[in-house]
Amino acid sequence: MTPELETYFNNYNQLFNHDGFKQLINELSNNATQLADIQSVKDLEELFFRKGQVAAFATVINLENTITAAREQAEAEEEEEDPINV
């Protein structure tokens, strides 16, 4: 893995371990749950607006899993390119 990519993943790891990030994810999850309740939606325009909001929240909520998967893939690709001789 390049030093730049390692720094990229390490920076995200620091962010994910910060209490503020955990607090943000909790609040976004609560907001997404409220927005997903469509019983009070008045029209199609509001429905699509809420759908966009929930999708945006989901992107941030799932960011840690996305970055973790990307790091694991990068590490696996690195192992394939440079296998360790045992």
PDB file of N, CA and C in Angstrom:
ATOM      1  N   MET A   1       0.849  -1.167   0.000  1.00  0.00           N
ATOM      2  CA  MET A   1       0.000   0.000   0.000  1.00  0.00           C
ATOM      3  C   MET A   1       0.899   1.236   0.000  1.00  0.00           C
ATOM      4  N   THR A   2       0.513   2.212  -0.769  1.00  0.00           N
ATOM      5  CA  THR A   2       1.318   3.435  -0.833  1.00  0.00           C
ATOM      6  C   THR A   2       1.202   4.207   0.485  1.00  0.00           C
ATOM      7  N   PRO A   3       2.207   5.007   0.791  1.00  0.00           N
ATOM      8  CA  PRO A   3       2.124   5.822   2.019  1.00  0.00           C
ATOM      9  C   PRO A   3       0.910   6.758   2.021  1.00  0.00           C
ATOM     10  N   GLU A   4       0.563   7.274   0.845  1.00  0.00           N
ATOM     11  CA  GLU A   4      -0.590   8.169   0.752  1.00  0.00           C
ATOM     12  C   GLU A   4      -1.884   7.431   1.085  1.00  0.00           C
ATOM     13  N   LEU A   5      -2.020   6.210   0.577  1.00  0.00           N
ATOM     14  CA  LEU A   5      -3.227   5.422   0.838  1.00  0.00           C
ATOM     15  C   LEU A   5      -3.285   5.006   2.308  1.00  0.00           C
ATOM     16  N   GLU A   6      -2.138   4.675   2.872  1.00  0.00           N
ATOM     17  CA  GLU A   6      -2.079   4.327   4.289  1.00  0.00           C
ATOM     18  C   GLU A   6      -2.506   5.518   5.157  1.00  0.00           C
ATOM     19  N   THR A   7      -2.035   6.701   4.807  1.00  0.00           N
ATOM     20  CA  THR A   7      -2.429   7.923   5.521  1.00  0.00           C
ATOM     21  C   THR A   7      -3.920   8.174   5.381  1.00  0.00           C
ATOM     22  N   TYR A   8      -4.443   7.968   4.188  1.00  0.00           N
ATOM     23  CA  TYR A   8      -5.876   8.130   3.916  1.00  0.00           C
ATOM     24  C   TYR A   8      -6.702   7.253   4.861  1.00  0.00           C
ATOM     25  N   PHE A   9      -6.366   5.988   4.937  1.00  0.00           N
ATOM     26  CA  PHE A   9      -7.108   5.063   5.800  1.00  0.00           C
ATOM     27  C   PHE A   9      -6.896   5.378   7.282  1.00  0.00           C
ATOM     28  N   ASN A  10      -5.683   5.737   7.670  1.00  0.00           N
ATOM     29  CA  ASN A  10      -5.408   6.074   9.063  1.00  0.00           C
ATOM     30  C   ASN A  10      -6.181   7.320   9.509  1.00  0.00           C
ATOM     31  N   ASN A  11      -6.287   8.303   8.618  1.00  0.00           N
ATOM     32  CA  ASN A  11      -7.049   9.509   8.948  1.00  0.00           C
ATOM     33  C   ASN A  11      -8.514   9.170   9.202  1.00  0.00           C
ATOM     34  N   TYR A  12      -9.073   8.325   8.355  1.00  0.00           N
ATOM     35  CA  TYR A  12     -10.460   7.910   8.567  1.00  0.00           C
ATOM     36  C   TYR A  12     -10.595   7.116   9.866  1.00  0.00           C
ATOM     37  N   ASN A  13      -9.628   6.267  10.157  1.00  0.00           N
ATOM     38  CA  ASN A  13      -9.679   5.484  11.388  1.00  0.00           C
ATOM     39  C   ASN A  13      -9.704   6.399  12.614  1.00  0.00           C
ATOM     40  N   GLN A  14      -8.910   7.447  12.592  1.00  0.00           N
ATOM     41  CA  GLN A  14      -8.917   8.411  13.693  1.00  0.00           C
ATOM     42  C   GLN A  14     -10.281   9.079  13.813  1.00  0.00           C
ATOM     43  N   LEU A  15     -10.862   9.427  12.685  1.00  0.00           N
ATOM     44  CA  LEU A  15     -12.188  10.047  12.684  1.00  0.00           C
ATOM     45  C   LEU A  15     -13.226   9.111  13.277  1.00  0.00           C
ATOM     46  N   PHE A  16     -13.225   7.855  12.855  1.00  0.00           N
ATOM     47  CA  PHE A  16     -14.228   6.891  13.305  1.00  0.00           C
ATOM     48  C   PHE A  16     -14.127   6.610  14.803  1.00  0.00           C
ATOM     49  N   ASN A  17     -12.947   6.748  15.373  1.00  0.00           N
ATOM     50  CA  ASN A  17     -12.752   6.499  16.797  1.00  0.00           C
ATOM     51  C   ASN A  17     -13.066   7.712  17.670  1.00  0.00           C
ATOM     52  N   HIS A  18     -13.375   8.815  17.052  1.00  0.00           N
ATOM     53  CA  HIS A  18     -13.669  10.047  17.791  1.00  0.00           C
ATOM     54  C   HIS A  18     -15.114  10.031  18.289  1.00  0.00           C
ATOM     55  N   ASP A  19     -15.305  10.455  19.543  1.00  0.00           N
ATOM     56  CA  ASP A  19     -16.653  10.467  20.131  1.00  0.00           C
ATOM     57  C   ASP A  19     -17.617  11.349  19.338  1.00  0.00           C
ATOM     58  N   GLY A  20     -17.112  12.436  18.787  1.00  0.00           N
ATOM     59  CA  GLY A  20     -17.961  13.322  17.996  1.00  0.00           C
ATOM     60  C   GLY A  20     -18.531  12.630  16.766  1.00  0.00           C
ATOM     61  N   PHE A  21     -17.736  11.780  16.127  1.00  0.00           N
ATOM     62  CA  PHE A  21     -18.225  11.061  14.955  1.00  0.00           C
ATOM     63  C   PHE A  21     -19.310  10.068  15.362  1.00  0.00           C
ATOM     64  N   LYS A  22     -19.083   9.390  16.470  1.00  0.00           N
ATOM     65  CA  LYS A  22     -20.088   8.434  16.951  1.00  0.00           C
ATOM     66  C   LYS A  22     -21.386   9.154  17.287  1.00  0.00           C
ATOM     67  N   GLN A  23     -21.282  10.335  17.855  1.00  0.00           N
ATOM     68  CA  GLN A  23     -22.457  11.136  18.175  1.00  0.00           C
ATOM     69  C   GLN A  23     -23.180  11.551  16.894  1.00  0.00           C
ATOM     70  N   LEU A  24     -22.430  11.976  15.898  1.00  0.00           N
ATOM     71  CA  LEU A  24     -23.022  12.353  14.614  1.00  0.00           C
ATOM     72  C   LEU A  24     -23.768  11.184  13.986  1.00  0.00           C
ATOM     73  N   ILE A  25     -23.155  10.006  13.976  1.00  0.00           N
ATOM     74  CA  ILE A  25     -23.785   8.823  13.389  1.00  0.00           C
ATOM     75  C   ILE A  25     -25.071   8.481  14.125  1.00  0.00           C
ATOM     76  N   ASN A  26     -25.067   8.602  15.441  1.00  0.00           N
ATOM     77  CA  ASN A  26     -26.267   8.332  16.231  1.00  0.00           C
ATOM     78  C   ASN A  26     -27.391   9.303  15.854  1.00  0.00           C
ATOM     79  N   GLU A  27     -27.064  10.588  15.740  1.00  0.00           N
ATOM     80  CA  GLU A  27     -28.071  11.583  15.385  1.00  0.00           C
ATOM     81  C   GLU A  27     -28.583  11.379  13.963  1.00  0.00           C
ATOM     82  N   LEU A  28     -27.683  11.086  13.035  1.00  0.00           N
ATOM     83  CA  LEU A  28     -28.125  10.847  11.656  1.00  0.00           C
ATOM     84  C   LEU A  28     -28.997   9.605  11.564  1.00  0.00           C
ATOM     85  N   SER A  29     -28.665   8.582  12.323  1.00  0.00           N
ATOM     86  CA  SER A  29     -29.480   7.363  12.330  1.00  0.00           C
ATOM     87  C   SER A  29     -30.880   7.651  12.853  1.00  0.00           C
ATOM     88  N   ASN A  30     -30.959   8.442  13.916  1.00  0.00           N
ATOM     89  CA  ASN A  30     -32.273   8.813  14.452  1.00  0.00           C
ATOM     90  C   ASN A  30     -33.071   9.642  13.435  1.00  0.00           C
ATOM     91  N   ASN A  31     -32.400  10.595  12.798  1.00  0.00           N
ATOM     92  CA  ASN A  31     -33.069  11.416  11.791  1.00  0.00           C
ATOM     93  C   ASN A  31     -33.528  10.580  10.602  1.00  0.00           C
ATOM     94  N   ALA A  32     -32.693   9.653  10.164  1.00  0.00           N
ATOM     95  CA  ALA A  32     -33.055   8.802   9.036  1.00  0.00           C
ATOM     96  C   ALA A  32     -34.274   7.947   9.369  1.00  0.00           C
ATOM     97  N   THR A  33     -34.336   7.469  10.602  1.00  0.00           N
ATOM     98  CA  THR A  33     -35.489   6.672  11.029  1.00  0.00           C
ATOM     99  C   THR A  33     -36.759   7.506  10.998  1.00  0.00           C
ATOM    100  N   GLN A  34     -36.675   8.736  11.469  1.00  0.00           N
ATOM    101  CA  GLN A  34     -37.837   9.614  11.450  1.00  0.00           C
ATOM    102  C   GLN A  34     -38.263   9.952  10.024  1.00  0.00           C
ATOM    103  N   LEU A  35     -37.296  10.218   9.161  1.00  0.00           N
ATOM    104  CA  LEU A  35     -37.608  10.562   7.779  1.00  0.00           C
ATOM    105  C   LEU A  35     -38.178   9.375   7.009  1.00  0.00           C
ATOM    106  N   ALA A  36     -37.804   8.174   7.407  1.00  0.00           N
ATOM    107  CA  ALA A  36     -38.277   6.979   6.717  1.00  0.00           C
ATOM    108  C   ALA A  36     -39.747   6.696   7.009  1.00  0.00           C
ATOM    109  N   ASP A  37     -40.292   7.318   8.044  1.00  0.00           N
ATOM    110  CA  ASP A  37     -41.713   7.178   8.349  1.00  0.00           C
ATOM    111  C   ASP A  37     -42.481   8.076   7.377  1.00  0.00           C
ATOM    112  N   ILE A  38     -43.099   7.468   6.396  1.00  0.00           N
ATOM    113  CA  ILE A  38     -43.721   8.240   5.314  1.00  0.00           C
ATOM    114  C   ILE A  38     -45.218   8.462   5.501  1.00  0.00           C
ATOM    115  N   GLN A  39     -45.744   8.153   6.656  1.00  0.00           N
ATOM    116  CA  GLN A  39     -47.180   8.303   6.881  1.00  0.00           C
ATOM    117  C   GLN A  39     -47.642   9.749   6.763  1.00  0.00           C
ATOM    118  N   SER A  40     -46.786  10.698   7.099  1.00  0.00           N
ATOM    119  CA  SER A  40     -47.191  12.104   7.055  1.00  0.00           C
ATOM    120  C   SER A  40     -46.816  12.808   5.751  1.00  0.00           C
ATOM    121  N   VAL A  41     -46.283  12.079   4.785  1.00  0.00           N
ATOM    122  CA  VAL A  41     -45.874  12.674   3.513  1.00  0.00           C
ATOM    123  C   VAL A  41     -47.116  13.156   2.761  1.00  0.00           C
ATOM    124  N   LYS A  42     -47.054  14.404   2.298  1.00  0.00           N
ATOM    125  CA  LYS A  42     -48.219  15.025   1.658  1.00  0.00           C
ATOM    126  C   LYS A  42     -48.316  14.751   0.162  1.00  0.00           C
ATOM    127  N   ASP A  43     -47.161  14.670  -0.502  1.00  0.00           N
ATOM    128  CA  ASP A  43     -47.191  14.489  -1.951  1.00  0.00           C
ATOM    129  C   ASP A  43     -45.928  13.769  -2.431  1.00  0.00           C
ATOM    130  N   LEU A  44     -45.902  13.501  -3.716  1.00  0.00           N
ATOM    131  CA  LEU A  44     -44.787  12.774  -4.319  1.00  0.00           C
ATOM    132  C   LEU A  44     -43.477  13.551  -4.207  1.00  0.00           C
ATOM    133  N   GLU A  45     -43.556  14.859  -4.337  1.00  0.00           N
ATOM    134  CA  GLU A  45     -42.357  15.694  -4.244  1.00  0.00           C
ATOM    135  C   GLU A  45     -41.708  15.555  -2.859  1.00  0.00           C
ATOM    136  N   GLU A  46     -42.508  15.598  -1.815  1.00  0.00           N
ATOM    137  CA  GLU A  46     -41.973  15.442  -0.466  1.00  0.00           C
ATOM    138  C   GLU A  46     -41.408  14.037  -0.252  1.00  0.00           C
ATOM    139  N   LEU A  47     -42.056  13.039  -0.840  1.00  0.00           N
ATOM    140  CA  LEU A  47     -41.573  11.667  -0.734  1.00  0.00           C
ATOM    141  C   LEU A  47     -40.180  11.535  -1.337  1.00  0.00           C
ATOM    142  N   PHE A  48     -39.998  12.096  -2.533  1.00  0.00           N
ATOM    143  CA  PHE A  48     -38.695  12.011  -3.177  1.00  0.00           C
ATOM    144  C   PHE A  48     -37.643  12.833  -2.432  1.00  0.00           C
ATOM    145  N   PHE A  49     -38.050  13.958  -1.862  1.00  0.00           N
ATOM    146  CA  PHE A  49     -37.122  14.764  -1.072  1.00  0.00           C
ATOM    147  C   PHE A  49     -36.643  13.969   0.144  1.00  0.00           C
ATOM    148  N   ARG A  50     -37.579  13.331   0.822  1.00  0.00           N
ATOM    149  CA  ARG A  50     -37.208  12.513   1.985  1.00  0.00           C
ATOM    150  C   ARG A  50     -36.318  11.350   1.577  1.00  0.00           C
ATOM    151  N   LYS A  51     -36.639  10.754   0.449  1.00  0.00           N
ATOM    152  CA  LYS A  51     -35.827   9.636  -0.040  1.00  0.00           C
ATOM    153  C   LYS A  51     -34.378  10.085  -0.244  1.00  0.00           C
ATOM    154  N   GLY A  52     -34.193  11.274  -0.797  1.00  0.00           N
ATOM    155  CA  GLY A  52     -32.849  11.816  -0.992  1.00  0.00           C
ATOM    156  C   GLY A  52     -32.144  12.091   0.322  1.00  0.00           C
ATOM    157  N   GLN A  53     -32.893  12.620   1.292  1.00  0.00           N
ATOM    158  CA  GLN A  53     -32.305  12.877   2.602  1.00  0.00           C
ATOM    159  C   GLN A  53     -31.848  11.576   3.257  1.00  0.00           C
ATOM    160  N   VAL A  54     -32.691  10.569   3.211  1.00  0.00           N
ATOM    161  CA  VAL A  54     -32.347   9.278   3.824  1.00  0.00           C
ATOM    162  C   VAL A  54     -31.131   8.673   3.128  1.00  0.00           C
ATOM    163  N   ALA A  55     -31.075   8.791   1.806  1.00  0.00           N
ATOM    164  CA  ALA A  55     -29.928   8.253   1.063  1.00  0.00           C
ATOM    165  C   ALA A  55     -28.641   8.978   1.441  1.00  0.00           C
ATOM    166  N   ALA A  56     -28.707  10.292   1.605  1.00  0.00           N
ATOM    167  CA  ALA A  56     -27.517  11.062   1.999  1.00  0.00           C
ATOM    168  C   ALA A  56     -27.068  10.672   3.404  1.00  0.00           C
ATOM    169  N   PHE A  57     -28.026  10.537   4.323  1.00  0.00           N
ATOM    170  CA  PHE A  57     -27.681  10.111   5.680  1.00  0.00           C
ATOM    171  C   PHE A  57     -27.063   8.719   5.663  1.00  0.00           C
ATOM    172  N   ALA A  58     -27.619   7.830   4.862  1.00  0.00           N
ATOM    173  CA  ALA A  58     -27.119   6.457   4.797  1.00  0.00           C
ATOM    174  C   ALA A  58     -25.671   6.413   4.315  1.00  0.00           C
ATOM    175  N   THR A  59     -25.325   7.306   3.401  1.00  0.00           N
ATOM    176  CA  THR A  59     -23.946   7.358   2.912  1.00  0.00           C
ATOM    177  C   THR A  59     -22.985   7.662   4.054  1.00  0.00           C
ATOM    178  N   VAL A  60     -23.334   8.622   4.893  1.00  0.00           N
ATOM    179  CA  VAL A  60     -22.467   8.975   6.023  1.00  0.00           C
ATOM    180  C   VAL A  60     -22.509   7.884   7.093  1.00  0.00           C
ATOM    181  N   ILE A  61     -23.708   7.372   7.370  1.00  0.00           N
ATOM    182  CA  ILE A  61     -23.856   6.327   8.388  1.00  0.00           C
ATOM    183  C   ILE A  61     -23.028   5.095   8.033  1.00  0.00           C
ATOM    184  N   ASN A  62     -22.960   4.768   6.746  1.00  0.00           N
ATOM    185  CA  ASN A  62     -22.239   3.575   6.293  1.00  0.00           C
ATOM    186  C   ASN A  62     -20.789   3.847   5.904  1.00  0.00           C
ATOM    187  N   LEU A  63     -20.321   5.072   6.105  1.00  0.00           N
ATOM    188  CA  LEU A  63     -18.971   5.435   5.677  1.00  0.00           C
ATOM    189  C   LEU A  63     -17.899   4.559   6.319  1.00  0.00           C
ATOM    190  N   GLU A  64     -18.025   4.286   7.602  1.00  0.00           N
ATOM    191  CA  GLU A  64     -17.009   3.469   8.273  1.00  0.00           C
ATOM    192  C   GLU A  64     -16.921   2.083   7.645  1.00  0.00           C
ATOM    193  N   ASN A  65     -18.061   1.460   7.377  1.00  0.00           N
ATOM    194  CA  ASN A  65     -18.053   0.136   6.745  1.00  0.00           C
ATOM    195  C   ASN A  65     -17.482   0.200   5.334  1.00  0.00           C
ATOM    196  N   THR A  66     -17.787   1.268   4.616  1.00  0.00           N
ATOM    197  CA  THR A  66     -17.276   1.431   3.252  1.00  0.00           C
ATOM    198  C   THR A  66     -15.754   1.565   3.256  1.00  0.00           C
ATOM    199  N   ILE A  67     -15.240   2.386   4.169  1.00  0.00           N
ATOM    200  CA  ILE A  67     -13.785   2.587   4.253  1.00  0.00           C
ATOM    201  C   ILE A  67     -13.091   1.316   4.731  1.00  0.00           C
ATOM    202  N   THR A  68     -13.696   0.621   5.684  1.00  0.00           N
ATOM    203  CA  THR A  68     -13.123  -0.639   6.173  1.00  0.00           C
ATOM    204  C   THR A  68     -13.027  -1.657   5.042  1.00  0.00           C
ATOM    205  N   ALA A  69     -14.080  -1.770   4.256  1.00  0.00           N
ATOM    206  CA  ALA A  69     -14.070  -2.707   3.126  1.00  0.00           C
ATOM    207  C   ALA A  69     -13.011  -2.310   2.095  1.00  0.00           C
ATOM    208  N   ALA A  70     -12.879  -1.018   1.845  1.00  0.00           N
ATOM    209  CA  ALA A  70     -11.870  -0.549   0.888  1.00  0.00           C
ATOM    210  C   ALA A  70     -10.463  -0.854   1.381  1.00  0.00           C
ATOM    211  N   ARG A  71     -10.237  -0.666   2.672  1.00  0.00           N
ATOM    212  CA  ARG A  71      -8.912  -0.959   3.235  1.00  0.00           C
ATOM    213  C   ARG A  71      -8.604  -2.453   3.140  1.00  0.00           C
ATOM    214  N   GLU A  72      -9.580  -3.282   3.482  1.00  0.00           N
ATOM    215  CA  GLU A  72      -9.380  -4.728   3.390  1.00  0.00           C
ATOM    216  C   GLU A  72      -9.095  -5.155   1.959  1.00  0.00           C
ATOM    217  N   GLN A  73      -9.790  -4.541   1.008  1.00  0.00           N
ATOM    218  CA  GLN A  73      -9.547  -4.866  -0.402  1.00  0.00           C
ATOM    219  C   GLN A  73      -8.141  -4.436  -0.817  1.00  0.00           C
ATOM    220  N   ALA A  74      -7.724  -3.255  -0.389  1.00  0.00           N
ATOM    221  CA  ALA A  74      -6.375  -2.773  -0.729  1.00  0.00           C
ATOM    222  C   ALA A  74      -5.309  -3.680  -0.125  1.00  0.00           C
ATOM    223  N   GLU A  75      -5.536  -4.119   1.117  1.00  0.00           N
ATOM    224  CA  GLU A  75      -4.578  -5.021   1.756  1.00  0.00           C
ATOM    225  C   GLU A  75      -4.547  -6.375   1.066  1.00  0.00           C
ATOM    226  N   ALA A  76      -5.706  -6.884   0.660  1.00  0.00           N
ATOM    227  CA  ALA A  76      -5.758  -8.164  -0.038  1.00  0.00           C
ATOM    228  C   ALA A  76      -5.056  -8.079  -1.389  1.00  0.00           C
ATOM    229  N   GLU A  77      -5.251  -6.969  -2.095  1.00  0.00           N
ATOM    230  CA  GLU A  77      -4.585  -6.786  -3.387  1.00  0.00           C
ATOM    231  C   GLU A  77      -3.079  -6.696  -3.206  1.00  0.00           C
ATOM    232  N   GLU A  78      -2.653  -6.060  -2.121  1.00  0.00           N
ATOM    233  CA  GLU A  78      -1.227  -5.944  -1.839  1.00  0.00           C
ATOM    234  C   GLU A  78      -0.624  -7.318  -1.555  1.00  0.00           C
ATOM    235  N   GLU A  79      -1.345  -8.150  -0.810  1.00  0.00           N
ATOM    236  CA  GLU A  79      -0.869  -9.498  -0.514  1.00  0.00           C
ATOM    237  C   GLU A  79      -0.776 -10.341  -1.776  1.00  0.00           C
ATOM    238  N   GLU A  80      -1.727 -10.158  -2.701  1.00  0.00           N
ATOM    239  CA  GLU A  80      -1.695 -10.907  -3.963  1.00  0.00           C
ATOM    240  C   GLU A  80      -0.491 -10.507  -4.807  1.00  0.00           C
ATOM    241  N   GLU A  81      -0.155  -9.206  -4.775  1.00  0.00           N
ATOM    242  CA  GLU A  81       0.969  -8.719  -5.569  1.00  0.00           C
ATOM    243  C   GLU A  81       2.317  -9.073  -4.963  1.00  0.00           C
ATOM    244  N   ASP A  82       2.375  -9.161  -3.634  1.00  0.00           N
ATOM    245  CA  ASP A  82       3.645  -9.410  -2.939  1.00  0.00           C
ATOM    246  C   ASP A  82       3.449 -10.453  -1.859  1.00  0.00           C
ATOM    247  N   PRO A  83       3.259 -11.722  -2.241  1.00  0.00           N
ATOM    248  CA  PRO A  83       3.031 -12.747  -1.229  1.00  0.00           C
ATOM    249  C   PRO A  83       4.263 -12.938  -0.369  1.00  0.00           C
ATOM    250  N   ILE A  84       4.012 -13.200   0.908  1.00  0.00           N
ATOM    251  CA  ILE A  84       5.095 -13.426   1.859  1.00  0.00           C
ATOM    252  C   ILE A  84       5.530 -14.878   1.747  1.00  0.00           C
ATOM    253  N   ASN A  85       6.832 -15.082   1.620  1.00  0.00           N
ATOM    254  CA  ASN A  85       7.361 -16.441   1.548  1.00  0.00           C
ATOM    255  C   ASN A  85       7.534 -16.974   2.968  1.00  0.00           C
ATOM    256  N   VAL A  86       6.855 -18.080   3.254  1.00  0.00           N
ATOM    257  CA  VAL A  86       6.934 -18.653   4.584  1.00  0.00           C
ATOM    258  C   VAL A  86       7.761 -19.913   4.543  1.00  0.00           C
TER     259      VAL A  86
END
